[in-house]
Amino acid sequence: QVQLVESGGGLVQPGGSLRLSCAASGSIVSINAMGWYRQAPGKQRELVAAITSGGSTNYADSVKGRFTISRDNAKNTMYLQMNSLKPEDTAVYYCNADVVRSFNSGRARYWGQGTQVTVSS
């Protein structure tokens, strides 16, 4: 069994910053790509940023230059530093991981439970 737990969401004023964390635990051999997604009310879930095990990154155009994704492979943890936040960044943020599982259980993708980010004055 593998669990992803997000933390760090909250209420912030426009122009403010937040740092999200996603910690993976359980029967993990290694983690390939990881990513942050978000879903605003009435909208589809969208990719915000992704990072490979080697550290290559890609970002949605809407967050380039404002958000930074990173990971600590030794801790099986991923981060999203969000700066210059805008009201349109308001959403539930989810982490996703492509996990190689132990006990010869193969690979699977997992989702966290989500953390709310609200940008409002």
PDB file of N, CA and C in Angstrom:
ATOM      1  N   GLN A   1       0.854  -1.190   0.000  1.00  0.00           N
ATOM      2  CA  GLN A   1       0.000   0.000   0.000  1.00  0.00           C
ATOM      3  C   GLN A   1       0.890   1.240   0.000  1.00  0.00           C
ATOM      4  N   VAL A   2       0.455   2.252  -0.754  1.00  0.00           N
ATOM      5  CA  VAL A   2       1.199   3.514  -0.865  1.00  0.00           C
ATOM      6  C   VAL A   2       0.246   4.656  -0.542  1.00  0.00           C
ATOM      7  N   GLN A   3       0.726   5.625   0.212  1.00  0.00           N
ATOM      8  CA  GLN A   3      -0.079   6.804   0.537  1.00  0.00           C
ATOM      9  C   GLN A   3       0.676   8.067   0.137  1.00  0.00           C
ATOM     10  N   LEU A   4      -0.072   9.036  -0.372  1.00  0.00           N
ATOM     11  CA  LEU A   4       0.459  10.370  -0.648  1.00  0.00           C
ATOM     12  C   LEU A   4      -0.312  11.345   0.234  1.00  0.00           C
ATOM     13  N   VAL A   5       0.405  12.157   0.971  1.00  0.00           N
ATOM     14  CA  VAL A   5      -0.233  13.116   1.868  1.00  0.00           C
ATOM     15  C   VAL A   5       0.272  14.513   1.552  1.00  0.00           C
ATOM     16  N   GLU A   6      -0.667  15.394   1.170  1.00  0.00           N
ATOM     17  CA  GLU A   6      -0.327  16.788   0.887  1.00  0.00           C
ATOM     18  C   GLU A   6      -0.492  17.628   2.150  1.00  0.00           C
ATOM     19  N   SER A   7       0.249  18.705   2.208  1.00  0.00           N
ATOM     20  CA  SER A   7       0.098  19.684   3.283  1.00  0.00           C
ATOM     21  C   SER A   7       0.558  21.040   2.769  1.00  0.00           C
ATOM     22  N   GLY A   8       0.191  22.083   3.517  1.00  0.00           N
ATOM     23  CA  GLY A   8       0.680  23.421   3.199  1.00  0.00           C
ATOM     24  C   GLY A   8      -0.326  24.345   2.557  1.00  0.00           C
ATOM     25  N   GLY A   9      -1.521  23.857   2.270  1.00  0.00           N
ATOM     26  CA  GLY A   9      -2.526  24.741   1.689  1.00  0.00           C
ATOM     27  C   GLY A   9      -3.057  25.729   2.707  1.00  0.00           C
ATOM     28  N   GLY A  10      -3.889  26.653   2.231  1.00  0.00           N
ATOM     29  CA  GLY A  10      -4.473  27.631   3.133  1.00  0.00           C
ATOM     30  C   GLY A  10      -4.989  28.837   2.396  1.00  0.00           C
ATOM     31  N   LEU A  11      -5.287  29.875   3.168  1.00  0.00           N
ATOM     32  CA  LEU A  11      -5.790  31.140   2.642  1.00  0.00           C
ATOM     33  C   LEU A  11      -4.644  32.151   2.591  1.00  0.00           C
ATOM     34  N   VAL A  12      -4.474  32.794   1.449  1.00  0.00           N
ATOM     35  CA  VAL A  12      -3.401  33.772   1.284  1.00  0.00           C
ATOM     36  C   VAL A  12      -3.921  34.928   0.443  1.00  0.00           C
ATOM     37  N   GLN A  13      -3.383  36.109   0.679  1.00  0.00           N
ATOM     38  CA  GLN A  13      -3.787  37.278  -0.102  1.00  0.00           C
ATOM     39  C   GLN A  13      -3.109  37.267  -1.470  1.00  0.00           C
ATOM     40  N   PRO A  14      -3.714  37.923  -2.449  1.00  0.00           N
ATOM     41  CA  PRO A  14      -3.056  38.044  -3.759  1.00  0.00           C
ATOM     42  C   PRO A  14      -1.653  38.624  -3.620  1.00  0.00           C
ATOM     43  N   GLY A  15      -0.717  38.019  -4.362  1.00  0.00           N
ATOM     44  CA  GLY A  15       0.674  38.416  -4.272  1.00  0.00           C
ATOM     45  C   GLY A  15       1.457  37.649  -3.227  1.00  0.00           C
ATOM     46  N   GLY A  16       0.767  36.875  -2.411  1.00  0.00           N
ATOM     47  CA  GLY A  16       1.428  36.116  -1.360  1.00  0.00           C
ATOM     48  C   GLY A  16       2.025  34.809  -1.854  1.00  0.00           C
ATOM     49  N   SER A  17       2.555  34.038  -0.907  1.00  0.00           N
ATOM     50  CA  SER A  17       3.238  32.782  -1.234  1.00  0.00           C
ATOM     51  C   SER A  17       2.749  31.656  -0.328  1.00  0.00           C
ATOM     52  N   LEU A  18       2.840  30.459  -0.860  1.00  0.00           N
ATOM     53  CA  LEU A  18       2.577  29.238  -0.103  1.00  0.00           C
ATOM     54  C   LEU A  18       3.530  28.158  -0.599  1.00  0.00           C
ATOM     55  N   ARG A  19       3.831  27.205   0.272  1.00  0.00           N
ATOM     56  CA  ARG A  19       4.646  26.055  -0.117  1.00  0.00           C
ATOM     57  C   ARG A  19       3.883  24.787   0.209  1.00  0.00           C
ATOM     58  N   LEU A  20       3.597  24.007  -0.827  1.00  0.00           N
ATOM     59  CA  LEU A  20       2.927  22.731  -0.655  1.00  0.00           C
ATOM     60  C   LEU A  20       3.951  21.611  -0.568  1.00  0.00           C
ATOM     61  N   SER A  21       3.608  20.596   0.220  1.00  0.00           N
ATOM     62  CA  SER A  21       4.439  19.395   0.320  1.00  0.00           C
ATOM     63  C   SER A  21       3.589  18.170   0.029  1.00  0.00           C
ATOM     64  N   CYS A  22       4.230  17.154  -0.522  1.00  0.00           N
ATOM     65  CA  CYS A  22       3.569  15.870  -0.779  1.00  0.00           C
ATOM     66  C   CYS A  22       4.532  14.778  -0.347  1.00  0.00           C
ATOM     67  N   ALA A  23       4.155  14.056   0.693  1.00  0.00           N
ATOM     68  CA  ALA A  23       5.003  12.999   1.226  1.00  0.00           C
ATOM     69  C   ALA A  23       4.421  11.638   0.859  1.00  0.00           C
ATOM     70  N   ALA A  24       5.252  10.803   0.251  1.00  0.00           N
ATOM     71  CA  ALA A  24       4.841   9.451  -0.121  1.00  0.00           C
ATOM     72  C   ALA A  24       5.397   8.456   0.889  1.00  0.00           C
ATOM     73  N   SER A  25       4.587   7.485   1.245  1.00  0.00           N
ATOM     74  CA  SER A  25       5.020   6.457   2.189  1.00  0.00           C
ATOM     75  C   SER A  25       4.376   5.124   1.826  1.00  0.00           C
ATOM     76  N   GLY A  26       4.960   4.064   2.393  1.00  0.00           N
ATOM     77  CA  GLY A  26       4.409   2.732   2.133  1.00  0.00           C
ATOM     78  C   GLY A  26       5.422   1.856   1.430  1.00  0.00           C
ATOM     79  N   SER A  27       4.917   0.915   0.648  1.00  0.00           N
ATOM     80  CA  SER A  27       5.740  -0.099  -0.009  1.00  0.00           C
ATOM     81  C   SER A  27       6.332   0.445  -1.310  1.00  0.00           C
ATOM     82  N   ILE A  28       7.335   1.303  -1.150  1.00  0.00           N
ATOM     83  CA  ILE A  28       7.916   2.021  -2.285  1.00  0.00           C
ATOM     84  C   ILE A  28       9.343   1.555  -2.536  1.00  0.00           C
ATOM     85  N   VAL A  29       9.618   1.189  -3.792  1.00  0.00           N
ATOM     86  CA  VAL A  29      10.990   0.933  -4.192  1.00  0.00           C
ATOM     87  C   VAL A  29      11.596   2.217  -4.735  1.00  0.00           C
ATOM     88  N   SER A  30      10.868   2.863  -5.612  1.00  0.00           N
ATOM     89  CA  SER A  30      11.316   4.136  -6.173  1.00  0.00           C
ATOM     90  C   SER A  30      10.101   4.863  -6.744  1.00  0.00           C
ATOM     91  N   ILE A  31      10.298   6.150  -7.018  1.00  0.00           N
ATOM     92  CA  ILE A  31       9.234   6.968  -7.597  1.00  0.00           C
ATOM     93  C   ILE A  31       9.740   7.581  -8.884  1.00  0.00           C
ATOM     94  N   ASN A  32       9.020   7.383  -9.965  1.00  0.00           N
ATOM     95  CA  ASN A  32       9.396   7.987 -11.230  1.00  0.00           C
ATOM     96  C   ASN A  32       8.888   9.430 -11.260  1.00  0.00           C
ATOM     97  N   ALA A  33       8.084   9.785 -12.230  1.00  0.00           N
ATOM     98  CA  ALA A  33       7.597  11.163 -12.309  1.00  0.00           C
ATOM     99  C   ALA A  33       6.609  11.465 -11.185  1.00  0.00           C
ATOM    100  N   MET A  34       6.632  12.711 -10.737  1.00  0.00           N
ATOM    101  CA  MET A  34       5.666  13.217  -9.765  1.00  0.00           C
ATOM    102  C   MET A  34       5.097  14.513 -10.329  1.00  0.00           C
ATOM    103  N   GLY A  35       3.902  14.838  -9.896  1.00  0.00           N
ATOM    104  CA  GLY A  35       3.302  16.064 -10.418  1.00  0.00           C
ATOM    105  C   GLY A  35       2.288  16.663  -9.473  1.00  0.00           C
ATOM    106  N   TRP A  36       2.052  17.944  -9.679  1.00  0.00           N
ATOM    107  CA  TRP A  36       0.991  18.674  -8.981  1.00  0.00           C
ATOM    108  C   TRP A  36      -0.107  18.995  -9.987  1.00  0.00           C
ATOM    109  N   TYR A  37      -1.331  18.721  -9.598  1.00  0.00           N
ATOM    110  CA  TYR A  37      -2.511  19.052 -10.388  1.00  0.00           C
ATOM    111  C   TYR A  37      -3.407  19.947  -9.530  1.00  0.00           C
ATOM    112  N   ARG A  38      -4.316  20.633 -10.190  1.00  0.00           N
ATOM    113  CA  ARG A  38      -5.290  21.418  -9.432  1.00  0.00           C
ATOM    114  C   ARG A  38      -6.654  21.355 -10.114  1.00  0.00           C
ATOM    115  N   GLN A  39      -7.670  21.540  -9.290  1.00  0.00           N
ATOM    116  CA  GLN A  39      -9.037  21.546  -9.807  1.00  0.00           C
ATOM    117  C   GLN A  39      -9.827  22.637  -9.110  1.00  0.00           C
ATOM    118  N   ALA A  40     -10.275  23.593  -9.904  1.00  0.00           N
ATOM    119  CA  ALA A  40     -11.113  24.666  -9.409  1.00  0.00           C
ATOM    120  C   ALA A  40     -12.585  24.262  -9.565  1.00  0.00           C
ATOM    121  N   PRO A  41     -13.470  24.868  -8.795  1.00  0.00           N
ATOM    122  CA  PRO A  41     -14.897  24.518  -8.895  1.00  0.00           C
ATOM    123  C   PRO A  41     -15.419  24.681 -10.322  1.00  0.00           C
ATOM    124  N   GLY A  42     -16.082  23.655 -10.812  1.00  0.00           N
ATOM    125  CA  GLY A  42     -16.665  23.706 -12.147  1.00  0.00           C
ATOM    126  C   GLY A  42     -15.689  23.513 -13.284  1.00  0.00           C
ATOM    127  N   LYS A  43     -14.435  23.223 -12.953  1.00  0.00           N
ATOM    128  CA  LYS A  43     -13.424  23.051 -13.999  1.00  0.00           C
ATOM    129  C   LYS A  43     -12.797  21.661 -13.922  1.00  0.00           C
ATOM    130  N   GLN A  44     -12.149  21.280 -15.016  1.00  0.00           N
ATOM    131  CA  GLN A  44     -11.454  19.998 -15.028  1.00  0.00           C
ATOM    132  C   GLN A  44     -10.131  20.092 -14.282  1.00  0.00           C
ATOM    133  N   ARG A  45      -9.694  18.958 -13.797  1.00  0.00           N
ATOM    134  CA  ARG A  45      -8.378  18.908 -13.160  1.00  0.00           C
ATOM    135  C   ARG A  45      -7.310  19.160 -14.220  1.00  0.00           C
ATOM    136  N   GLU A  46      -6.314  19.977 -13.870  1.00  0.00           N
ATOM    137  CA  GLU A  46      -5.259  20.322 -14.825  1.00  0.00           C
ATOM    138  C   GLU A  46      -3.892  20.147 -14.202  1.00  0.00           C
ATOM    139  N   LEU A  47      -2.919  19.851 -15.061  1.00  0.00           N
ATOM    140  CA  LEU A  47      -1.546  19.719 -14.608  1.00  0.00           C
ATOM    141  C   LEU A  47      -0.970  21.104 -14.334  1.00  0.00           C
ATOM    142  N   VAL A  48      -0.365  21.252 -13.180  1.00  0.00           N
ATOM    143  CA  VAL A  48       0.293  22.507 -12.808  1.00  0.00           C
ATOM    144  C   VAL A  48       1.792  22.413 -13.095  1.00  0.00           C
ATOM    145  N   ALA A  49       2.414  21.349 -12.605  1.00  0.00           N
ATOM    146  CA  ALA A  49       3.854  21.167 -12.777  1.00  0.00           C
ATOM    147  C   ALA A  49       4.193  19.702 -12.568  1.00  0.00           C
ATOM    148  N   ALA A  50       5.268  19.270 -13.209  1.00  0.00           N
ATOM    149  CA  ALA A  50       5.711  17.888 -13.075  1.00  0.00           C
ATOM    150  C   ALA A  50       7.220  17.844 -12.993  1.00  0.00           C
ATOM    151  N   ILE A  51       7.732  16.768 -12.378  1.00  0.00           N
ATOM    152  CA  ILE A  51       9.174  16.612 -12.222  1.00  0.00           C
ATOM    153  C   ILE A  51       9.528  15.136 -12.327  1.00  0.00           C
ATOM    154  N   THR A  52      10.604  14.851 -13.072  1.00  0.00           N
ATOM    155  CA  THR A  52      11.059  13.464 -13.204  1.00  0.00           C
ATOM    156  C   THR A  52      11.965  13.101 -12.025  1.00  0.00           C
ATOM    157  N   SER A  53      12.327  11.836 -11.945  1.00  0.00           N
ATOM    158  CA  SER A  53      13.225  11.408 -10.870  1.00  0.00           C
ATOM    159  C   SER A  53      14.593  12.062 -11.009  1.00  0.00           C
ATOM    160  N   GLY A  54      14.944  12.445 -12.227  1.00  0.00           N
ATOM    161  CA  GLY A  54      16.223  13.107 -12.455  1.00  0.00           C
ATOM    162  C   GLY A  54      16.186  14.601 -12.280  1.00  0.00           C
ATOM    163  N   GLY A  55      14.999  15.151 -12.041  1.00  0.00           N
ATOM    164  CA  GLY A  55      14.887  16.579 -11.765  1.00  0.00           C
ATOM    165  C   GLY A  55      14.439  17.445 -12.930  1.00  0.00           C
ATOM    166  N   SER A  56      14.131  16.853 -14.064  1.00  0.00           N
ATOM    167  CA  SER A  56      13.606  17.649 -15.172  1.00  0.00           C
ATOM    168  C   SER A  56      12.191  18.086 -14.852  1.00  0.00           C
ATOM    169  N   THR A  57      11.882  19.328 -15.214  1.00  0.00           N
ATOM    170  CA  THR A  57      10.588  19.896 -14.832  1.00  0.00           C
ATOM    171  C   THR A  57       9.832  20.445 -16.041  1.00  0.00           C
ATOM    172  N   ASN A  58       8.528  20.536 -15.899  1.00  0.00           N
ATOM    173  CA  ASN A  58       7.716  21.282 -16.855  1.00  0.00           C
ATOM    174  C   ASN A  58       6.551  21.903 -16.108  1.00  0.00           C
ATOM    175  N   TYR A  59       6.077  23.027 -16.645  1.00  0.00           N
ATOM    176  CA  TYR A  59       5.064  23.830 -15.971  1.00  0.00           C
ATOM    177  C   TYR A  59       3.943  24.220 -16.927  1.00  0.00           C
ATOM    178  N   ALA A  60       2.759  24.383 -16.385  1.00  0.00           N
ATOM    179  CA  ALA A  60       1.678  24.999 -17.149  1.00  0.00           C
ATOM    180  C   ALA A  60       2.060  26.448 -17.434  1.00  0.00           C
ATOM    181  N   ASP A  61       1.652  26.947 -18.589  1.00  0.00           N
ATOM    182  CA  ASP A  61       2.002  28.319 -18.951  1.00  0.00           C
ATOM    183  C   ASP A  61       1.512  29.322 -17.916  1.00  0.00           C
ATOM    184  N   SER A  62       0.384  29.024 -17.284  1.00  0.00           N
ATOM    185  CA  SER A  62      -0.222  29.965 -16.347  1.00  0.00           C
ATOM    186  C   SER A  62       0.586  30.147 -15.070  1.00  0.00           C
ATOM    187  N   VAL A  63       1.520  29.245 -14.789  1.00  0.00           N
ATOM    188  CA  VAL A  63       2.285  29.345 -13.532  1.00  0.00           C
ATOM    189  C   VAL A  63       3.783  29.526 -13.758  1.00  0.00           C
ATOM    190  N   LYS A  64       4.218  29.511 -15.002  1.00  0.00           N
ATOM    191  CA  LYS A  64       5.652  29.672 -15.289  1.00  0.00           C
ATOM    192  C   LYS A  64       6.166  30.980 -14.725  1.00  0.00           C
ATOM    193  N   GLY A  65       7.318  30.900 -14.075  1.00  0.00           N
ATOM    194  CA  GLY A  65       7.922  32.086 -13.488  1.00  0.00           C
ATOM    195  C   GLY A  65       7.413  32.408 -12.093  1.00  0.00           C
ATOM    196  N   ARG A  66       6.326  31.756 -11.669  1.00  0.00           N
ATOM    197  CA  ARG A  66       5.766  32.014 -10.332  1.00  0.00           C
ATOM    198  C   ARG A  66       5.868  30.797  -9.413  1.00  0.00           C
ATOM    199  N   PHE A  67       5.729  29.602  -9.984  1.00  0.00           N
ATOM    200  CA  PHE A  67       5.755  28.366  -9.196  1.00  0.00           C
ATOM    201  C   PHE A  67       7.050  27.610  -9.471  1.00  0.00           C
ATOM    202  N   THR A  68       7.536  26.901  -8.463  1.00  0.00           N
ATOM    203  CA  THR A  68       8.718  26.064  -8.610  1.00  0.00           C
ATOM    204  C   THR A  68       8.452  24.703  -7.986  1.00  0.00           C
ATOM    205  N   ILE A  69       8.633  23.657  -8.776  1.00  0.00           N
ATOM    206  CA  ILE A  69       8.470  22.296  -8.283  1.00  0.00           C
ATOM    207  C   ILE A  69       9.834  21.718  -7.956  1.00  0.00           C
ATOM    208  N   SER A  70       9.917  20.933  -6.891  1.00  0.00           N
ATOM    209  CA  SER A  70      11.165  20.281  -6.515  1.00  0.00           C
ATOM    210  C   SER A  70      10.834  18.985  -5.783  1.00  0.00           C
ATOM    211  N   ARG A  71      11.840  18.177  -5.563  1.00  0.00           N
ATOM    212  CA  ARG A  71      11.624  16.921  -4.846  1.00  0.00           C
ATOM    213  C   ARG A  71      12.890  16.527  -4.109  1.00  0.00           C
ATOM    214  N   ASP A  72      12.683  15.754  -3.048  1.00  0.00           N
ATOM    215  CA  ASP A  72      13.770  15.170  -2.279  1.00  0.00           C
ATOM    216  C   ASP A  72      13.591  13.657  -2.381  1.00  0.00           C
ATOM    217  N   ASN A  73      14.382  13.025  -3.247  1.00  0.00           N
ATOM    218  CA  ASN A  73      14.197  11.596  -3.489  1.00  0.00           C
ATOM    219  C   ASN A  73      14.483  10.757  -2.250  1.00  0.00           C
ATOM    220  N   ALA A  74      15.387  11.199  -1.418  1.00  0.00           N
ATOM    221  CA  ALA A  74      15.717  10.446  -0.209  1.00  0.00           C
ATOM    222  C   ALA A  74      14.539  10.411   0.762  1.00  0.00           C
ATOM    223  N   LYS A  75      13.707  11.448   0.713  1.00  0.00           N
ATOM    224  CA  LYS A  75      12.553  11.541   1.614  1.00  0.00           C
ATOM    225  C   LYS A  75      11.241  11.192   0.924  1.00  0.00           C
ATOM    226  N   ASN A  76      11.304  10.846  -0.370  1.00  0.00           N
ATOM    227  CA  ASN A  76      10.071  10.575  -1.141  1.00  0.00           C
ATOM    228  C   ASN A  76       9.075  11.717  -0.989  1.00  0.00           C
ATOM    229  N   THR A  77       9.569  12.925  -1.095  1.00  0.00           N
ATOM    230  CA  THR A  77       8.743  14.113  -0.881  1.00  0.00           C
ATOM    231  C   THR A  77       8.914  15.086  -2.038  1.00  0.00           C
ATOM    232  N   MET A  78       7.800  15.694  -2.411  1.00  0.00           N
ATOM    233  CA  MET A  78       7.786  16.683  -3.485  1.00  0.00           C
ATOM    234  C   MET A  78       7.239  17.991  -2.928  1.00  0.00           C
ATOM    235  N   TYR A  79       7.675  19.094  -3.518  1.00  0.00           N
ATOM    236  CA  TYR A  79       7.267  20.413  -3.044  1.00  0.00           C
ATOM    237  C   TYR A  79       6.774  21.263  -4.215  1.00  0.00           C
ATOM    238  N   LEU A  80       5.953  22.241  -3.884  1.00  0.00           N
ATOM    239  CA  LEU A  80       5.554  23.251  -4.854  1.00  0.00           C
ATOM    240  C   LEU A  80       5.616  24.611  -4.159  1.00  0.00           C
ATOM    241  N   GLN A  81       6.605  25.403  -4.530  1.00  0.00           N
ATOM    242  CA  GLN A  81       6.702  26.765  -4.023  1.00  0.00           C
ATOM    243  C   GLN A  81       5.885  27.667  -4.936  1.00  0.00           C
ATOM    244  N   MET A  82       4.897  28.328  -4.366  1.00  0.00           N
ATOM    245  CA  MET A  82       3.989  29.167  -5.148  1.00  0.00           C
ATOM    246  C   MET A  82       4.157  30.612  -4.706  1.00  0.00           C
ATOM    247  N   ASN A  83       4.624  31.451  -5.610  1.00  0.00           N
ATOM    248  CA  ASN A  83       4.812  32.872  -5.339  1.00  0.00           C
ATOM    249  C   ASN A  83       3.887  33.705  -6.220  1.00  0.00           C
ATOM    250  N   SER A  84       3.737  34.960  -5.856  1.00  0.00           N
ATOM    251  CA  SER A  84       2.902  35.889  -6.637  1.00  0.00           C
ATOM    252  C   SER A  84       1.541  35.270  -6.951  1.00  0.00           C
ATOM    253  N   LEU A  85       0.928  34.741  -5.930  1.00  0.00           N
ATOM    254  CA  LEU A  85      -0.335  34.044  -6.129  1.00  0.00           C
ATOM    255  C   LEU A  85      -1.442  34.991  -6.580  1.00  0.00           C
ATOM    256  N   LYS A  86      -2.315  34.452  -7.421  1.00  0.00           N
ATOM    257  CA  LYS A  86      -3.431  35.201  -7.983  1.00  0.00           C
ATOM    258  C   LYS A  86      -4.751  34.520  -7.593  1.00  0.00           C
ATOM    259  N   PRO A  87      -5.844  35.269  -7.594  1.00  0.00           N
ATOM    260  CA  PRO A  87      -7.142  34.639  -7.275  1.00  0.00           C
ATOM    261  C   PRO A  87      -7.454  33.439  -8.162  1.00  0.00           C
ATOM    262  N   GLU A  88      -7.007  33.487  -9.406  1.00  0.00           N
ATOM    263  CA  GLU A  88      -7.277  32.364 -10.314  1.00  0.00           C
ATOM    264  C   GLU A  88      -6.465  31.117  -9.988  1.00  0.00           C
ATOM    265  N   ASP A  89      -5.548  31.203  -9.042  1.00  0.00           N
ATOM    266  CA  ASP A  89      -4.832  30.012  -8.572  1.00  0.00           C
ATOM    267  C   ASP A  89      -5.640  29.239  -7.533  1.00  0.00           C
ATOM    268  N   THR A  90      -6.760  29.800  -7.118  1.00  0.00           N
ATOM    269  CA  THR A  90      -7.606  29.139  -6.124  1.00  0.00           C
ATOM    270  C   THR A  90      -8.113  27.813  -6.663  1.00  0.00           C
ATOM    271  N   ALA A  91      -7.865  26.735  -5.908  1.00  0.00           N
ATOM    272  CA  ALA A  91      -8.242  25.392  -6.342  1.00  0.00           C
ATOM    273  C   ALA A  91      -7.860  24.399  -5.244  1.00  0.00           C
ATOM    274  N   VAL A  92      -8.308  23.176  -5.426  1.00  0.00           N
ATOM    275  CA  VAL A  92      -7.773  22.076  -4.635  1.00  0.00           C
ATOM    276  C   VAL A  92      -6.571  21.527  -5.397  1.00  0.00           C
ATOM    277  N   TYR A  93      -5.454  21.428  -4.712  1.00  0.00           N
ATOM    278  CA  TYR A  93      -4.207  20.961  -5.319  1.00  0.00           C
ATOM    279  C   TYR A  93      -3.968  19.508  -4.907  1.00  0.00           C
ATOM    280  N   TYR A  94      -3.681  18.686  -5.915  1.00  0.00           N
ATOM    281  CA  TYR A  94      -3.452  17.258  -5.703  1.00  0.00           C
ATOM    282  C   TYR A  94      -2.042  16.885  -6.155  1.00  0.00           C
ATOM    283  N   CYS A  95      -1.425  15.973  -5.427  1.00  0.00           N
ATOM    284  CA  CYS A  95      -0.164  15.435  -5.907  1.00  0.00           C
ATOM    285  C   CYS A  95      -0.401  14.054  -6.508  1.00  0.00           C
ATOM    286  N   ASN A  96       0.471  13.710  -7.426  1.00  0.00           N
ATOM    287  CA  ASN A  96       0.382  12.448  -8.153  1.00  0.00           C
ATOM    288  C   ASN A  96       1.781  11.887  -8.274  1.00  0.00           C
ATOM    289  N   ALA A  97       1.896  10.549  -8.162  1.00  0.00           N
ATOM    290  CA  ALA A  97       3.211   9.920  -8.253  1.00  0.00           C
ATOM    291  C   ALA A  97       3.113   8.589  -8.975  1.00  0.00           C
ATOM    292  N   ASP A  98       4.110   8.338  -9.813  1.00  0.00           N
ATOM    293  CA  ASP A  98       4.254   7.058 -10.512  1.00  0.00           C
ATOM    294  C   ASP A  98       5.227   6.216  -9.693  1.00  0.00           C
ATOM    295  N   VAL A  99       4.699   5.235  -8.979  1.00  0.00           N
ATOM    296  CA  VAL A  99       5.461   4.519  -7.953  1.00  0.00           C
ATOM    297  C   VAL A  99       5.796   3.098  -8.404  1.00  0.00           C
ATOM    298  N   VAL A 100       7.064   2.741  -8.195  1.00  0.00           N
ATOM    299  CA  VAL A 100       7.460   1.339  -8.338  1.00  0.00           C
ATOM    300  C   VAL A 100       7.328   0.713  -6.950  1.00  0.00           C
ATOM    301  N   ARG A 101       6.488  -0.280  -6.851  1.00  0.00           N
ATOM    302  CA  ARG A 101       6.161  -0.838  -5.539  1.00  0.00           C
ATOM    303  C   ARG A 101       7.034  -2.034  -5.206  1.00  0.00           C
ATOM    304  N   SER A 102       7.178  -2.284  -3.951  1.00  0.00           N
ATOM    305  CA  SER A 102       7.996  -3.396  -3.475  1.00  0.00           C
ATOM    306  C   SER A 102       7.232  -4.726  -3.602  1.00  0.00           C
ATOM    307  N   PHE A 103       7.916  -5.794  -3.263  1.00  0.00           N
ATOM    308  CA  PHE A 103       7.341  -7.149  -3.305  1.00  0.00           C
ATOM    309  C   PHE A 103       6.870  -7.508  -4.711  1.00  0.00           C
ATOM    310  N   ASN A 104       7.639  -7.020  -5.720  1.00  0.00           N
ATOM    311  CA  ASN A 104       7.340  -7.325  -7.125  1.00  0.00           C
ATOM    312  C   ASN A 104       5.898  -6.999  -7.507  1.00  0.00           C
ATOM    313  N   SER A 105       5.378  -5.896  -6.966  1.00  0.00           N
ATOM    314  CA  SER A 105       4.002  -5.504  -7.225  1.00  0.00           C
ATOM    315  C   SER A 105       3.847  -4.572  -8.411  1.00  0.00           C
ATOM    316  N   GLY A 106       4.959  -4.271  -9.086  1.00  0.00           N
ATOM    317  CA  GLY A 106       4.868  -3.462 -10.292  1.00  0.00           C
ATOM    318  C   GLY A 106       4.709  -1.980 -10.010  1.00  0.00           C
ATOM    319  N   ARG A 107       4.265  -1.259 -11.035  1.00  0.00           N
ATOM    320  CA  ARG A 107       4.113   0.191 -10.971  1.00  0.00           C
ATOM    321  C   ARG A 107       2.650   0.572 -10.888  1.00  0.00           C
ATOM    322  N   ALA A 108       2.396   1.712 -10.279  1.00  0.00           N
ATOM    323  CA  ALA A 108       1.042   2.253 -10.219  1.00  0.00           C
ATOM    324  C   ALA A 108       1.109   3.744  -9.954  1.00  0.00           C
ATOM    325  N   ARG A 109       0.063   4.446 -10.370  1.00  0.00           N
ATOM    326  CA  ARG A 109      -0.045   5.876 -10.089  1.00  0.00           C
ATOM    327  C   ARG A 109      -0.955   6.090  -8.893  1.00  0.00           C
ATOM    328  N   TYR A 110      -0.529   6.993  -8.047  1.00  0.00           N
ATOM    329  CA  TYR A 110      -1.300   7.296  -6.846  1.00  0.00           C
ATOM    330  C   TYR A 110      -1.602   8.786  -6.788  1.00  0.00           C
ATOM    331  N   TRP A 111      -2.715   9.089  -6.112  1.00  0.00           N
ATOM    332  CA  TRP A 111      -3.134  10.468  -5.871  1.00  0.00           C
ATOM    333  C   TRP A 111      -3.214  10.747  -4.381  1.00  0.00           C
ATOM    334  N   GLY A 112      -2.892  11.978  -4.010  1.00  0.00           N
ATOM    335  CA  GLY A 112      -3.145  12.419  -2.663  1.00  0.00           C
ATOM    336  C   GLY A 112      -4.589  12.835  -2.497  1.00  0.00           C
ATOM    337  N   GLN A 113      -4.941  13.234  -1.269  1.00  0.00           N
ATOM    338  CA  GLN A 113      -6.331  13.582  -0.969  1.00  0.00           C
ATOM    339  C   GLN A 113      -6.668  15.017  -1.343  1.00  0.00           C
ATOM    340  N   GLY A 114      -5.664  15.815  -1.617  1.00  0.00           N
ATOM    341  CA  GLY A 114      -5.880  17.206  -2.009  1.00  0.00           C
ATOM    342  C   GLY A 114      -5.752  18.168  -0.849  1.00  0.00           C
ATOM    343  N   THR A 115      -5.298  19.378  -1.169  1.00  0.00           N
ATOM    344  CA  THR A 115      -5.213  20.449  -0.180  1.00  0.00           C
ATOM    345  C   THR A 115      -5.747  21.725  -0.813  1.00  0.00           C
ATOM    346  N   GLN A 116      -6.565  22.448  -0.057  1.00  0.00           N
ATOM    347  CA  GLN A 116      -7.226  23.647  -0.601  1.00  0.00           C
ATOM    348  C   GLN A 116      -6.274  24.837  -0.557  1.00  0.00           C
ATOM    349  N   VAL A 117      -6.185  25.526  -1.675  1.00  0.00           N
ATOM    350  CA  VAL A 117      -5.478  26.806  -1.750  1.00  0.00           C
ATOM    351  C   VAL A 117      -6.491  27.871  -2.161  1.00  0.00           C
ATOM    352  N   THR A 118      -6.622  28.894  -1.336  1.00  0.00           N
ATOM    353  CA  THR A 118      -7.548  29.985  -1.617  1.00  0.00           C
ATOM    354  C   THR A 118      -6.772  31.291  -1.622  1.00  0.00           C
ATOM    355  N   VAL A 119      -6.871  32.023  -2.730  1.00  0.00           N
ATOM    356  CA  VAL A 119      -6.193  33.313  -2.864  1.00  0.00           C
ATOM    357  C   VAL A 119      -7.273  34.385  -2.920  1.00  0.00           C
ATOM    358  N   SER A 120      -7.326  35.161  -1.858  1.00  0.00           N
ATOM    359  CA  SER A 120      -8.393  36.153  -1.757  1.00  0.00           C
ATOM    360  C   SER A 120      -7.986  37.243  -0.787  1.00  0.00           C
ATOM    361  N   SER A 121      -8.470  38.459  -1.066  1.00  0.00           N
ATOM    362  CA  SER A 121      -8.223  39.562  -0.141  1.00  0.00           C
ATOM    363  C   SER A 121      -9.384  39.698   0.835  1.00  0.00           C
TER     364      SER A 121
END
